[in-house]
Amino acid sequence: MNEKDRQIIEVSMRLFASKGFSTTSIQEIATESGISKGAFYLHFKSKDDLLLAILQYHFEMIEQAFSEVITSSQSPREKFISQQMALYSHFLTHREFLIMLTKEQAIPRNETIKHLLLGKQMESHQHYRQSIIDIYGLDIEPYSWDITIILEGMIKSYMGVLLFSSPDFNIKQVTEFILKRTDSIVKDIYEDSPFLTNDKVEEIIHFFLSSDQPSLSNVLKNLEEEIDKIGEDELLVTFQVLKEELEKEKPRAPVIQGMLSNFSGYPSLDHYKNLISEYYSRK
């Protein structure tokens, strides 16, 4: 993401937070960003496209915040608490904007955004499941999906309380409280059989990935547009090699995976990588 894109995104977030998504015009965003309305369209095709970039920007900031608070000397429990506090701090920092999204239901349900959010939801499930295994040990693995769903339910509920509460919300206190409640669940869960087995979860994931899947041509089109925004020649070359390989009668899987690996380190490209990988894993 170049500096001008970042400036437009931050200006837009401020305007959306104060005026609302639907009532903020592209002209207002352009004026506040110090560019013409025509120049705005050189960066973003529409307000929906801009909102997609804002969501990607938020995910990138969260990932960066996670990496900044983690140290090698921390225990798994300490790492979890640090990451949750970083997540809550991010939400508090951008409280007005996130409240606006909630109230206006402003997120459009186009294909790109749907798959971005689905991909991030999958990543969230895997992150919390791995954290649970790291904290409580391998014996909890058969119950890890059940605890993941319960834990995420508590986190999301308290996130809503956080967004609409007073600014002095104690994020460390709520994080430790949630984790202690999870301790209690883990202590008693062995008395029951797992409800969400690995097979059941794989079946659910397959359903979501296979239903309403965008065509490969649309995925490539959106991927190319995202790479154009990044503006790095090496990525464009990688994309052309990838596209040529995919268009062959018998694409070579090692070449495809090799090209996709070149997109590592660019969070905005992750969901396109996942879609292409998933497409060829089913062939």
Protein backbone atom coordinates (compact mmCIF):
# COMPACT_ATOMS: atom_id res chain seq x y z
CA MET A 1 0.00 0.00 0.00
CA ASN A 2 1.45 3.36 -1.00
CA GLU A 3 1.39 6.44 1.23
CA LYS A 4 -1.44 8.16 -0.68
CA ASP A 5 -3.69 5.11 -0.40
CA ARG A 6 -2.98 5.03 3.31
CA GLN A 7 -3.82 8.73 3.65
CA ILE A 8 -7.14 8.32 1.83
CA ILE A 9 -8.01 5.30 3.98
CA GLU A 10 -7.29 7.14 7.24
CA VAL A 11 -9.22 10.24 6.10
CA SER A 12 -12.15 8.03 5.07
CA MET A 13 -12.19 6.21 8.40
CA ARG A 14 -12.39 9.54 10.22
CA LEU A 15 -15.19 10.84 7.98
CA PHE A 16 -17.15 7.58 8.11
CA ALA A 17 -16.85 7.55 11.92
CA SER A 18 -18.17 11.11 12.27
CA LYS A 19 -20.72 11.30 9.43
CA GLY A 20 -21.56 7.71 8.56
CA PHE A 21 -20.68 5.57 5.55
CA SER A 22 -23.79 6.22 3.48
CA THR A 23 -23.81 10.00 3.97
CA THR A 24 -20.10 10.60 3.28
CA SER A 25 -19.50 11.41 -0.38
CA ILE A 26 -16.47 10.60 -2.47
CA GLN A 27 -16.10 14.34 -3.10
CA GLU A 28 -15.76 14.94 0.66
CA ILE A 29 -13.17 12.18 0.95
CA ALA A 30 -11.21 13.59 -2.01
CA THR A 31 -11.30 17.15 -0.64
CA GLU A 32 -10.14 16.09 2.83
CA SER A 33 -7.39 14.01 1.21
CA GLY A 34 -6.16 16.97 -0.85
CA ILE A 35 -6.95 15.41 -4.23
CA SER A 36 -9.58 15.81 -6.94
CA LYS A 37 -12.55 13.51 -7.25
CA GLY A 38 -11.07 12.17 -10.48
CA ALA A 39 -7.78 11.42 -8.74
CA PHE A 40 -9.67 9.45 -6.08
CA TYR A 41 -10.75 6.95 -8.75
CA LEU A 42 -7.10 6.35 -9.64
CA HIS A 43 -6.74 4.82 -6.18
CA PHE A 44 -10.15 3.23 -5.54
CA LYS A 45 -12.90 2.29 -7.98
CA SER A 46 -15.77 3.03 -5.58
CA LYS A 47 -16.71 3.48 -1.94
CA ASP A 48 -17.18 -0.29 -1.69
CA ASP A 49 -13.66 -0.79 -3.02
CA LEU A 50 -12.41 1.77 -0.50
CA LEU A 51 -14.22 -0.03 2.33
CA LEU A 52 -12.58 -3.31 1.28
CA ALA A 53 -9.18 -1.58 1.54
CA ILE A 54 -10.12 -0.22 4.98
CA LEU A 55 -11.02 -3.72 6.20
CA GLN A 56 -7.73 -5.09 4.87
CA TYR A 57 -5.93 -2.20 6.54
CA HIS A 58 -7.58 -3.08 9.87
CA PHE A 59 -6.55 -6.72 9.59
CA GLU A 60 -2.98 -5.68 8.79
CA MET A 61 -2.88 -3.39 11.83
CA ILE A 62 -4.16 -6.18 14.08
CA GLU A 63 -1.54 -8.62 12.77
CA GLN A 64 1.17 -6.00 13.30
CA ALA A 65 -0.08 -5.31 16.83
CA PHE A 66 0.02 -9.05 17.59
CA SER A 67 3.62 -9.34 16.40
CA GLU A 68 4.72 -6.31 18.42
CA VAL A 69 3.43 -7.54 21.79
CA ILE A 70 4.77 -11.09 21.59
CA THR A 71 8.17 -12.03 23.01
CA SER A 72 9.89 -15.42 23.00
CA SER A 73 10.08 -15.44 26.80
CA GLN A 74 6.29 -15.39 27.24
CA SER A 75 4.34 -18.51 28.13
CA PRO A 76 1.41 -19.49 25.85
CA ARG A 77 -1.00 -18.06 28.42
CA GLU A 78 0.90 -14.75 28.58
CA LYS A 79 1.02 -14.57 24.76
CA PHE A 80 -2.74 -15.08 24.58
CA ILE A 81 -3.38 -12.30 27.11
CA SER A 82 -1.00 -9.93 25.29
CA GLN A 83 -2.65 -10.60 21.93
CA GLN A 84 -6.17 -10.18 23.30
CA MET A 85 -5.22 -6.90 24.96
CA ALA A 86 -3.73 -5.71 21.64
CA LEU A 87 -6.96 -6.68 19.86
CA TYR A 88 -9.14 -4.86 22.39
CA SER A 89 -6.85 -1.80 22.23
CA HIS A 90 -7.22 -1.72 18.45
CA PHE A 91 -11.00 -1.84 18.74
CA LEU A 92 -11.01 0.93 21.33
CA THR A 93 -8.76 3.11 19.15
CA HIS A 94 -11.17 2.75 16.22
CA ARG A 95 -14.32 2.56 18.32
CA GLU A 96 -16.38 5.21 16.46
CA PHE A 97 -15.66 3.73 13.05
CA LEU A 98 -16.52 0.19 14.16
CA ILE A 99 -19.72 1.36 15.86
CA MET A 100 -20.69 3.06 12.59
CA LEU A 101 -20.19 -0.23 10.70
CA THR A 102 -22.35 -2.04 13.24
CA LYS A 103 -25.17 0.51 13.24
CA GLU A 104 -25.30 1.09 9.49
CA GLN A 105 -24.54 -2.49 8.51
CA ALA A 106 -22.30 -0.77 6.00
CA ILE A 107 -20.25 -3.75 4.86
CA PRO A 108 -21.43 -4.66 1.32
CA ARG A 109 -21.82 -8.35 0.61
CA ASN A 110 -19.90 -8.50 -2.65
CA GLU A 111 -17.83 -11.57 -3.45
CA THR A 112 -14.43 -10.13 -2.59
CA ILE A 113 -15.46 -8.85 0.82
CA LYS A 114 -17.41 -12.02 1.61
CA HIS A 115 -14.35 -14.16 0.96
CA LEU A 116 -12.02 -11.79 2.78
CA LEU A 117 -14.20 -12.01 5.90
CA LEU A 118 -14.65 -15.77 5.53
CA GLY A 119 -10.89 -16.23 5.21
CA LYS A 120 -10.23 -14.08 8.27
CA GLN A 121 -12.88 -15.96 10.22
CA MET A 122 -11.15 -19.25 9.36
CA GLU A 123 -7.81 -17.77 10.44
CA SER A 124 -9.39 -16.63 13.71
CA HIS A 125 -10.74 -20.12 14.43
CA GLN A 126 -7.32 -21.66 13.78
CA HIS A 127 -5.55 -19.02 15.89
CA TYR A 128 -7.76 -19.56 18.94
CA ARG A 129 -7.70 -23.34 18.56
CA GLN A 130 -3.90 -23.37 18.47
CA SER A 131 -3.76 -21.01 21.46
CA ILE A 132 -6.02 -23.39 23.41
CA ILE A 133 -3.79 -26.37 22.60
CA ASP A 134 -0.66 -24.39 23.50
CA ILE A 135 -2.13 -23.27 26.84
CA TYR A 136 -3.79 -26.49 27.98
CA GLY A 137 -1.67 -29.15 26.29
CA LEU A 138 -2.18 -31.84 23.67
CA ASP A 139 -4.72 -33.75 25.82
CA ILE A 140 -7.27 -31.00 25.09
CA GLU A 141 -6.96 -31.45 21.30
CA PRO A 142 -10.13 -33.62 20.88
CA TYR A 143 -12.14 -30.83 22.57
CA SER A 144 -10.23 -27.94 20.99
CA TRP A 145 -12.90 -27.02 18.44
CA ASP A 146 -15.67 -26.97 21.04
CA ILE A 147 -13.61 -24.75 23.34
CA THR A 148 -12.69 -22.52 20.39
CA ILE A 149 -16.34 -21.83 19.60
CA ILE A 150 -17.17 -21.19 23.27
CA LEU A 151 -14.13 -18.92 23.73
CA GLU A 152 -14.85 -16.92 20.58
CA GLY A 153 -18.45 -16.49 21.69
CA MET A 154 -17.30 -14.95 24.97
CA ILE A 155 -14.74 -12.73 23.24
CA LYS A 156 -17.24 -11.40 20.69
CA SER A 157 -19.84 -10.72 23.37
CA TYR A 158 -17.41 -8.78 25.53
CA MET A 159 -16.15 -6.98 22.43
CA GLY A 160 -19.66 -5.60 22.02
CA VAL A 161 -19.66 -4.50 25.66
CA LEU A 162 -16.27 -2.86 25.10
CA LEU A 163 -17.41 -0.87 22.06
CA PHE A 164 -20.39 0.62 23.85
CA SER A 165 -18.87 1.07 27.30
CA SER A 166 -16.99 3.93 28.99
CA PRO A 167 -13.42 4.64 27.84
CA ASP A 168 -11.91 3.34 31.10
CA PHE A 169 -12.78 -0.28 30.20
CA ASN A 170 -10.12 -2.52 31.83
CA ILE A 171 -8.99 -4.71 28.94
CA LYS A 172 -6.54 -6.76 31.01
CA GLN A 173 -9.20 -7.53 33.58
CA VAL A 174 -11.74 -8.76 31.01
CA THR A 175 -9.07 -10.80 29.18
CA GLU A 176 -8.03 -12.58 32.37
CA PHE A 177 -11.69 -13.04 33.37
CA ILE A 178 -12.50 -14.76 30.05
CA LEU A 179 -9.45 -16.98 30.31
CA LYS A 180 -10.39 -18.03 33.87
CA ARG A 181 -13.88 -18.95 32.66
CA THR A 182 -12.19 -21.01 29.95
CA ASP A 183 -10.11 -22.72 32.66
CA SER A 184 -13.35 -23.81 34.33
CA ILE A 185 -14.75 -25.16 31.07
CA VAL A 186 -11.55 -27.11 30.35
CA LYS A 187 -11.58 -28.58 33.87
CA ASP A 188 -15.04 -30.15 33.40
CA ILE A 189 -15.11 -30.81 29.65
CA TYR A 190 -13.52 -34.27 29.91
CA GLU A 191 -16.76 -35.54 31.45
CA ASP A 192 -18.42 -35.28 28.01
CA SER A 193 -17.63 -36.50 24.52
CA PRO A 194 -16.51 -33.85 22.00
CA PHE A 195 -19.38 -32.35 20.03
CA LEU A 196 -17.31 -30.75 17.25
CA THR A 197 -15.02 -33.51 16.03
CA ASN A 198 -12.31 -32.87 13.42
CA ASP A 199 -14.39 -34.69 10.80
CA LYS A 200 -17.44 -32.55 11.52
CA VAL A 201 -15.40 -29.34 11.36
CA GLU A 202 -13.79 -30.38 8.06
CA GLU A 203 -17.27 -31.04 6.66
CA ILE A 204 -18.45 -27.57 7.73
CA ILE A 205 -15.34 -25.87 6.33
CA HIS A 206 -15.70 -27.72 3.03
CA PHE A 207 -19.32 -26.60 2.80
CA PHE A 208 -18.42 -22.94 3.27
CA LEU A 209 -15.50 -23.09 0.87
CA SER A 210 -17.42 -24.90 -1.86
CA SER A 211 -20.69 -22.94 -1.64
CA ASP A 212 -20.94 -19.66 -3.50
CA GLN A 213 -17.32 -19.97 -4.62
CA PRO A 214 -16.25 -17.28 -7.10
CA SER A 215 -14.95 -18.39 -10.48
CA LEU A 216 -11.20 -18.66 -10.95
CA SER A 217 -11.31 -15.89 -13.56
CA ASN A 218 -12.91 -13.50 -11.05
CA VAL A 219 -10.35 -14.45 -8.40
CA LEU A 220 -7.51 -13.70 -10.84
CA LYS A 221 -9.12 -10.41 -11.89
CA ASN A 222 -9.43 -9.25 -8.29
CA LEU A 223 -5.92 -10.47 -7.48
CA GLU A 224 -4.47 -8.48 -10.37
CA GLU A 225 -6.28 -5.34 -9.25
CA GLU A 226 -4.95 -5.76 -5.71
CA ILE A 227 -1.39 -6.25 -7.01
CA ASP A 228 -1.74 -3.12 -9.14
CA LYS A 229 -2.56 -1.18 -5.96
CA ILE A 230 0.58 -2.47 -4.25
CA GLY A 231 2.59 -1.36 -7.27
CA GLU A 232 5.58 -3.71 -7.07
CA ASP A 233 6.98 -5.00 -10.38
CA GLU A 234 8.09 -8.35 -8.93
CA LEU A 235 4.53 -9.12 -7.87
CA LEU A 236 3.21 -8.26 -11.33
CA VAL A 237 5.76 -10.61 -12.93
CA THR A 238 4.79 -13.36 -10.47
CA PHE A 239 1.12 -12.83 -11.28
CA GLN A 240 1.71 -13.11 -15.04
CA VAL A 241 3.63 -16.38 -14.59
CA LEU A 242 0.88 -17.70 -12.31
CA LYS A 243 -1.88 -16.71 -14.73
CA GLU A 244 -0.10 -18.31 -17.71
CA GLU A 245 0.33 -21.53 -15.72
CA LEU A 246 -3.32 -21.59 -14.65
CA GLU A 247 -4.45 -21.13 -18.24
CA LYS A 248 -2.57 -24.26 -19.39
CA GLU A 249 -4.51 -27.45 -20.13
CA LYS A 250 -2.59 -29.24 -17.35
CA PRO A 251 -1.33 -26.67 -14.81
CA ARG A 252 1.63 -27.83 -12.72
CA ALA A 253 0.85 -27.73 -9.00
CA PRO A 254 4.48 -27.10 -7.89
CA VAL A 255 4.69 -24.04 -10.16
CA ILE A 256 1.37 -22.71 -8.85
CA GLN A 257 2.42 -23.16 -5.22
CA GLY A 258 5.81 -21.62 -5.94
CA MET A 259 4.23 -18.51 -7.44
CA LEU A 260 1.70 -18.22 -4.62
CA SER A 261 4.52 -18.39 -2.06
CA ASN A 262 5.94 -15.18 -3.60
CA PHE A 263 2.83 -13.36 -2.31
CA SER A 264 3.77 -14.12 1.31
CA GLY A 265 4.23 -11.01 3.39
CA TYR A 266 1.35 -9.17 1.68
CA PRO A 267 -1.73 -9.67 3.91
CA SER A 268 -4.10 -8.13 1.34
CA LEU A 269 -3.26 -11.03 -1.02
CA ASP A 270 -3.79 -13.82 1.51
CA HIS A 271 -7.42 -14.62 0.73
CA TYR A 272 -6.68 -14.82 -3.03
CA LYS A 273 -3.83 -17.23 -2.29
CA ASN A 274 -6.17 -19.34 -0.18
CA LEU A 275 -8.89 -19.39 -2.85
CA ILE A 276 -6.48 -20.48 -5.59
CA SER A 277 -4.87 -23.12 -3.34
CA GLU A 278 -8.29 -24.45 -2.36
CA TYR A 279 -9.42 -24.52 -5.99
CA TYR A 280 -6.50 -26.75 -7.00
CA SER A 281 -6.60 -28.94 -3.92
CA ARG A 282 -10.07 -30.07 -5.05
CA LYS A 283 -9.05 -30.90 -8.60
